[in-house]
């Protein structure tokens, strides 16, 4: 795996752990020391957008099941 791909993968895992609230303090410190802020911003915004879209589809699905 290339260095750039590893960096993005590590960023994705760090943001996901942050979203779920399970990231250790040691790992958070490593991410801030080694990671680039723009990577965390981009991945965080994309994951937030995916989450919002997921919730919208989930609500529409639930409403369709209820007959509304």
PDB file of N, CA and C in Angstrom:
ATOM      1  N   UNK A   1       0.848  -1.173   0.000  1.00  0.00           N
ATOM      2  CA  UNK A   1       0.000   0.000   0.000  1.00  0.00           C
ATOM      3  C   UNK A   1       0.894   1.237   0.000  1.00  0.00           C
ATOM      4  N   UNK A   2       0.570   2.208  -0.824  1.00  0.00           N
ATOM      5  CA  UNK A   2       1.404   3.400  -0.900  1.00  0.00           C
ATOM      6  C   UNK A   2       1.272   4.232   0.375  1.00  0.00           C
ATOM      7  N   UNK A   3       2.243   5.098   0.574  1.00  0.00           N
ATOM      8  CA  UNK A   3       2.267   5.943   1.766  1.00  0.00           C
ATOM      9  C   UNK A   3       1.042   6.861   1.816  1.00  0.00           C
ATOM     10  N   UNK A   4       0.639   7.401   0.677  1.00  0.00           N
ATOM     11  CA  UNK A   4      -0.507   8.314   0.633  1.00  0.00           C
ATOM     12  C   UNK A   4      -1.792   7.570   0.985  1.00  0.00           C
ATOM     13  N   UNK A   5      -1.944   6.378   0.438  1.00  0.00           N
ATOM     14  CA  UNK A   5      -3.135   5.587   0.730  1.00  0.00           C
ATOM     15  C   UNK A   5      -3.180   5.197   2.209  1.00  0.00           C
ATOM     16  N   UNK A   6      -2.035   4.865   2.776  1.00  0.00           N
ATOM     17  CA  UNK A   6      -1.975   4.542   4.206  1.00  0.00           C
ATOM     18  C   UNK A   6      -2.389   5.743   5.046  1.00  0.00           C
ATOM     19  N   UNK A   7      -1.922   6.924   4.654  1.00  0.00           N
ATOM     20  CA  UNK A   7      -2.248   8.144   5.403  1.00  0.00           C
ATOM     21  C   UNK A   7      -3.755   8.402   5.367  1.00  0.00           C
ATOM     22  N   UNK A   8      -4.372   8.271   4.182  1.00  0.00           N
ATOM     23  CA  UNK A   8      -5.817   8.492   4.069  1.00  0.00           C
ATOM     24  C   UNK A   8      -6.589   7.428   4.842  1.00  0.00           C
ATOM     25  N   UNK A   9      -6.131   6.196   4.793  1.00  0.00           N
ATOM     26  CA  UNK A   9      -6.791   5.117   5.528  1.00  0.00           C
ATOM     27  C   UNK A   9      -6.731   5.381   7.027  1.00  0.00           C
ATOM     28  N   UNK A  10      -5.565   5.800   7.497  1.00  0.00           N
ATOM     29  CA  UNK A  10      -5.406   6.110   8.919  1.00  0.00           C
ATOM     30  C   UNK A  10      -6.300   7.288   9.320  1.00  0.00           C
ATOM     31  N   UNK A  11      -6.414   8.275   8.432  1.00  0.00           N
ATOM     32  CA  UNK A  11      -7.288   9.414   8.687  1.00  0.00           C
ATOM     33  C   UNK A  11      -8.740   8.967   8.760  1.00  0.00           C
ATOM     34  N   UNK A  12      -9.143   8.117   7.826  1.00  0.00           N
ATOM     35  CA  UNK A  12     -10.515   7.608   7.818  1.00  0.00           C
ATOM     36  C   UNK A  12     -10.825   6.862   9.113  1.00  0.00           C
ATOM     37  N   UNK A  13      -9.916   6.007   9.534  1.00  0.00           N
ATOM     38  CA  UNK A  13     -10.124   5.258  10.778  1.00  0.00           C
ATOM     39  C   UNK A  13     -10.172   6.190  11.988  1.00  0.00           C
ATOM     40  N   UNK A  14      -9.321   7.215  11.980  1.00  0.00           N
ATOM     41  CA  UNK A  14      -9.318   8.172  13.081  1.00  0.00           C
ATOM     42  C   UNK A  14     -10.617   8.956  13.171  1.00  0.00           C
ATOM     43  N   UNK A  15     -11.119   9.393  12.028  1.00  0.00           N
ATOM     44  CA  UNK A  15     -12.380  10.140  12.013  1.00  0.00           C
ATOM     45  C   UNK A  15     -13.539   9.226  12.409  1.00  0.00           C
ATOM     46  N   UNK A  16     -13.535   8.003  11.912  1.00  0.00           N
ATOM     47  CA  UNK A  16     -14.590   7.052  12.271  1.00  0.00           C
ATOM     48  C   UNK A  16     -14.580   6.778  13.775  1.00  0.00           C
ATOM     49  N   UNK A  17     -13.405   6.593  14.339  1.00  0.00           N
ATOM     50  CA  UNK A  17     -13.303   6.374  15.785  1.00  0.00           C
ATOM     51  C   UNK A  17     -13.790   7.601  16.548  1.00  0.00           C
ATOM     52  N   UNK A  18     -13.491   8.784  16.017  1.00  0.00           N
ATOM     53  CA  UNK A  18     -13.980  10.007  16.641  1.00  0.00           C
ATOM     54  C   UNK A  18     -15.499  10.115  16.577  1.00  0.00           C
ATOM     55  N   UNK A  19     -16.079   9.741  15.444  1.00  0.00           N
ATOM     56  CA  UNK A  19     -17.535   9.755  15.296  1.00  0.00           C
ATOM     57  C   UNK A  19     -18.184   8.821  16.302  1.00  0.00           C
ATOM     58  N   UNK A  20     -17.574   7.670  16.505  1.00  0.00           N
ATOM     59  CA  UNK A  20     -18.144   6.677  17.411  1.00  0.00           C
ATOM     60  C   UNK A  20     -17.747   6.918  18.865  1.00  0.00           C
ATOM     61  N   UNK A  21     -16.769   7.779  19.090  1.00  0.00           N
ATOM     62  CA  UNK A  21     -16.340   8.095  20.444  1.00  0.00           C
ATOM     63  C   UNK A  21     -15.510   7.017  21.101  1.00  0.00           C
ATOM     64  N   UNK A  22     -14.769   6.245  20.308  1.00  0.00           N
ATOM     65  CA  UNK A  22     -13.995   5.137  20.867  1.00  0.00           C
ATOM     66  C   UNK A  22     -12.488   5.295  20.675  1.00  0.00           C
ATOM     67  N   UNK A  23     -12.041   6.453  20.256  1.00  0.00           N
ATOM     68  CA  UNK A  23     -10.617   6.633  19.990  1.00  0.00           C
ATOM     69  C   UNK A  23      -9.855   6.879  21.288  1.00  0.00           C
ATOM     70  N   UNK A  24      -8.730   6.212  21.430  1.00  0.00           N
ATOM     71  CA  UNK A  24      -7.927   6.378  22.638  1.00  0.00           C
ATOM     72  C   UNK A  24      -7.193   7.717  22.597  1.00  0.00           C
ATOM     73  N   UNK A  25      -6.807   8.181  23.757  1.00  0.00           N
ATOM     74  CA  UNK A  25      -6.071   9.449  23.850  1.00  0.00           C
ATOM     75  C   UNK A  25      -4.734   9.350  23.126  1.00  0.00           C
ATOM     76  N   UNK A  26      -4.071   8.208  23.252  1.00  0.00           N
ATOM     77  CA  UNK A  26      -2.778   8.022  22.579  1.00  0.00           C
ATOM     78  C   UNK A  26      -2.933   8.128  21.069  1.00  0.00           C
ATOM     79  N   UNK A  27      -3.938   7.467  20.536  1.00  0.00           N
ATOM     80  CA  UNK A  27      -4.169   7.493  19.085  1.00  0.00           C
ATOM     81  C   UNK A  27      -4.552   8.898  18.617  1.00  0.00           C
ATOM     82  N   UNK A  28      -5.350   9.600  19.409  1.00  0.00           N
ATOM     83  CA  UNK A  28      -5.744  10.964  19.054  1.00  0.00           C
ATOM     84  C   UNK A  28      -4.522  11.864  18.983  1.00  0.00           C
ATOM     85  N   UNK A  29      -3.624  11.714  19.949  1.00  0.00           N
ATOM     86  CA  UNK A  29      -2.393  12.506  19.945  1.00  0.00           C
ATOM     87  C   UNK A  29      -1.540  12.180  18.723  1.00  0.00           C
ATOM     88  N   UNK A  30      -1.446  10.898  18.374  1.00  0.00           N
ATOM     89  CA  UNK A  30      -0.684  10.498  17.181  1.00  0.00           C
ATOM     90  C   UNK A  30      -1.293  11.096  15.924  1.00  0.00           C
ATOM     91  N   UNK A  31      -2.617  11.070  15.833  1.00  0.00           N
ATOM     92  CA  UNK A  31      -3.289  11.628  14.658  1.00  0.00           C
ATOM     93  C   UNK A  31      -2.993  13.113  14.510  1.00  0.00           C
ATOM     94  N   UNK A  32      -3.054  13.856  15.612  1.00  0.00           N
ATOM     95  CA  UNK A  32      -2.790  15.288  15.537  1.00  0.00           C
ATOM     96  C   UNK A  32      -1.327  15.581  15.242  1.00  0.00           C
ATOM     97  N   UNK A  33      -0.444  14.706  15.700  1.00  0.00           N
ATOM     98  CA  UNK A  33       0.987  14.913  15.469  1.00  0.00           C
ATOM     99  C   UNK A  33       1.376  14.568  14.039  1.00  0.00           C
ATOM    100  N   UNK A  34       0.842  13.470  13.501  1.00  0.00           N
ATOM    101  CA  UNK A  34       1.269  12.973  12.196  1.00  0.00           C
ATOM    102  C   UNK A  34       0.336  13.351  11.054  1.00  0.00           C
ATOM    103  N   UNK A  35      -0.941  13.565  11.344  1.00  0.00           N
ATOM    104  CA  UNK A  35      -1.920  13.815  10.290  1.00  0.00           C
ATOM    105  C   UNK A  35      -1.945  15.264   9.845  1.00  0.00           C
ATOM    106  N   UNK A  36      -2.590  15.487   8.709  1.00  0.00           N
ATOM    107  CA  UNK A  36      -2.786  16.837   8.194  1.00  0.00           C
ATOM    108  C   UNK A  36      -4.222  17.250   8.465  1.00  0.00           C
ATOM    109  N   UNK A  37      -4.381  18.495   8.874  1.00  0.00           N
ATOM    110  CA  UNK A  37      -5.706  18.985   9.243  1.00  0.00           C
ATOM    111  C   UNK A  37      -6.688  18.898   8.079  1.00  0.00           C
ATOM    112  N   UNK A  38      -6.253  19.227   6.881  1.00  0.00           N
ATOM    113  CA  UNK A  38      -7.156  19.218   5.731  1.00  0.00           C
ATOM    114  C   UNK A  38      -7.707  17.821   5.472  1.00  0.00           C
ATOM    115  N   UNK A  39      -6.909  16.796   5.724  1.00  0.00           N
ATOM    116  CA  UNK A  39      -7.389  15.423   5.544  1.00  0.00           C
ATOM    117  C   UNK A  39      -8.528  15.121   6.514  1.00  0.00           C
ATOM    118  N   UNK A  40      -8.367  15.541   7.765  1.00  0.00           N
ATOM    119  CA  UNK A  40      -9.407  15.297   8.761  1.00  0.00           C
ATOM    120  C   UNK A  40     -10.671  16.084   8.440  1.00  0.00           C
ATOM    121  N   UNK A  41     -10.514  17.305   7.946  1.00  0.00           N
ATOM    122  CA  UNK A  41     -11.671  18.128   7.586  1.00  0.00           C
ATOM    123  C   UNK A  41     -12.434  17.495   6.428  1.00  0.00           C
ATOM    124  N   UNK A  42     -11.719  17.107   5.376  1.00  0.00           N
ATOM    125  CA  UNK A  42     -12.364  16.517   4.197  1.00  0.00           C
ATOM    126  C   UNK A  42     -13.072  15.219   4.559  1.00  0.00           C
ATOM    127  N   UNK A  43     -12.385  14.332   5.243  1.00  0.00           N
ATOM    128  CA  UNK A  43     -12.988  13.041   5.612  1.00  0.00           C
ATOM    129  C   UNK A  43     -14.150  13.252   6.580  1.00  0.00           C
ATOM    130  N   UNK A  44     -14.001  14.157   7.518  1.00  0.00           N
ATOM    131  CA  UNK A  44     -15.080  14.437   8.467  1.00  0.00           C
ATOM    132  C   UNK A  44     -16.325  14.980   7.786  1.00  0.00           C
ATOM    133  N   UNK A  45     -16.145  15.900   6.842  1.00  0.00           N
ATOM    134  CA  UNK A  45     -17.289  16.447   6.114  1.00  0.00           C
ATOM    135  C   UNK A  45     -17.971  15.379   5.258  1.00  0.00           C
ATOM    136  N   UNK A  46     -17.174  14.552   4.600  1.00  0.00           N
ATOM    137  CA  UNK A  46     -17.754  13.474   3.790  1.00  0.00           C
ATOM    138  C   UNK A  46     -18.527  12.482   4.653  1.00  0.00           C
ATOM    139  N   UNK A  47     -17.956  12.122   5.795  1.00  0.00           N
ATOM    140  CA  UNK A  47     -18.635  11.169   6.675  1.00  0.00           C
ATOM    141  C   UNK A  47     -19.899  11.780   7.273  1.00  0.00           C
ATOM    142  N   UNK A  48     -19.875  13.066   7.586  1.00  0.00           N
ATOM    143  CA  UNK A  48     -21.074  13.731   8.096  1.00  0.00           C
ATOM    144  C   UNK A  48     -22.164  13.748   7.030  1.00  0.00           C
ATOM    145  N   UNK A  49     -21.787  14.021   5.777  1.00  0.00           N
ATOM    146  CA  UNK A  49     -22.759  14.023   4.681  1.00  0.00           C
ATOM    147  C   UNK A  49     -23.353  12.633   4.481  1.00  0.00           C
ATOM    148  N   UNK A  50     -22.523  11.608   4.527  1.00  0.00           N
ATOM    149  CA  UNK A  50     -23.017  10.233   4.381  1.00  0.00           C
ATOM    150  C   UNK A  50     -23.973   9.895   5.523  1.00  0.00           C
ATOM    151  N   UNK A  51     -23.648  10.332   6.730  1.00  0.00           N
ATOM    152  CA  UNK A  51     -24.515  10.073   7.879  1.00  0.00           C
ATOM    153  C   UNK A  51     -25.875  10.748   7.704  1.00  0.00           C
ATOM    154  N   UNK A  52     -25.881  12.002   7.271  1.00  0.00           N
ATOM    155  CA  UNK A  52     -27.141  12.730   7.071  1.00  0.00           C
ATOM    156  C   UNK A  52     -27.981  12.056   5.993  1.00  0.00           C
ATOM    157  N   UNK A  53     -27.354  11.673   4.892  1.00  0.00           N
ATOM    158  CA  UNK A  53     -28.078  10.993   3.813  1.00  0.00           C
ATOM    159  C   UNK A  53     -28.646   9.662   4.311  1.00  0.00           C
ATOM    160  N   UNK A  54     -27.870   8.936   5.098  1.00  0.00           N
ATOM    161  CA  UNK A  54     -28.339   7.671   5.671  1.00  0.00           C
ATOM    162  C   UNK A  54     -29.564   7.890   6.552  1.00  0.00           C
ATOM    163  N   UNK A  55     -29.531   8.917   7.390  1.00  0.00           N
ATOM    164  CA  UNK A  55     -30.665   9.198   8.274  1.00  0.00           C
ATOM    165  C   UNK A  55     -31.899   9.576   7.457  1.00  0.00           C
ATOM    166  N   UNK A  56     -31.719  10.368   6.411  1.00  0.00           N
ATOM    167  CA  UNK A  56     -32.850  10.746   5.553  1.00  0.00           C
ATOM    168  C   UNK A  56     -33.483   9.503   4.933  1.00  0.00           C
ATOM    169  N   UNK A  57     -32.661   8.627   4.373  1.00  0.00           N
ATOM    170  CA  UNK A  57     -33.198   7.399   3.781  1.00  0.00           C
ATOM    171  C   UNK A  57     -33.857   6.507   4.828  1.00  0.00           C
ATOM    172  N   UNK A  58     -33.275   6.434   6.008  1.00  0.00           N
ATOM    173  CA  UNK A  58     -33.855   5.628   7.077  1.00  0.00           C
ATOM    174  C   UNK A  58     -35.230   6.155   7.479  1.00  0.00           C
ATOM    175  N   UNK A  59     -35.366   7.461   7.602  1.00  0.00           N
ATOM    176  CA  UNK A  59     -36.654   8.062   7.964  1.00  0.00           C
ATOM    177  C   UNK A  59     -37.675   7.834   6.856  1.00  0.00           C
ATOM    178  N   UNK A  60     -37.268   8.030   5.604  1.00  0.00           N
ATOM    179  CA  UNK A  60     -38.199   7.795   4.487  1.00  0.00           C
ATOM    180  C   UNK A  60     -38.650   6.336   4.445  1.00  0.00           C
ATOM    181  N   UNK A  61     -37.726   5.425   4.697  1.00  0.00           N
ATOM    182  CA  UNK A  61     -38.062   4.005   4.711  1.00  0.00           C
ATOM    183  C   UNK A  61     -39.055   3.698   5.830  1.00  0.00           C
ATOM    184  N   UNK A  62     -38.791   4.256   7.023  1.00  0.00           N
ATOM    185  CA  UNK A  62     -39.681   4.027   8.159  1.00  0.00           C
ATOM    186  C   UNK A  62     -41.066   4.611   7.883  1.00  0.00           C
ATOM    187  N   UNK A  63     -41.121   5.773   7.261  1.00  0.00           N
ATOM    188  CA  UNK A  63     -42.411   6.377   6.934  1.00  0.00           C
ATOM    189  C   UNK A  63     -43.162   5.564   5.887  1.00  0.00           C
ATOM    190  N   UNK A  64     -42.427   4.999   4.937  1.00  0.00           N
ATOM    191  CA  UNK A  64     -43.097   4.185   3.916  1.00  0.00           C
ATOM    192  C   UNK A  64     -43.664   2.901   4.521  1.00  0.00           C
ATOM    193  N   UNK A  65     -42.997   2.362   5.523  1.00  0.00           N
ATOM    194  CA  UNK A  65     -43.506   1.167   6.199  1.00  0.00           C
ATOM    195  C   UNK A  65     -44.758   1.468   7.023  1.00  0.00           C
ATOM    196  N   UNK A  66     -44.815   2.682   7.555  1.00  0.00           N
ATOM    197  CA  UNK A  66     -45.959   3.042   8.396  1.00  0.00           C
ATOM    198  C   UNK A  66     -47.161   3.485   7.571  1.00  0.00           C
ATOM    199  N   UNK A  67     -46.968   3.656   6.269  1.00  0.00           N
ATOM    200  CA  UNK A  67     -48.068   4.057   5.403  1.00  0.00           C
ATOM    201  C   UNK A  67     -48.277   5.553   5.326  1.00  0.00           C
ATOM    202  N   UNK A  68     -47.365   6.320   5.850  1.00  0.00           N
ATOM    203  CA  UNK A  68     -47.499   7.783   5.834  1.00  0.00           C
ATOM    204  C   UNK A  68     -47.113   8.357   4.491  1.00  0.00           C
TER     205      UNK A  68
END
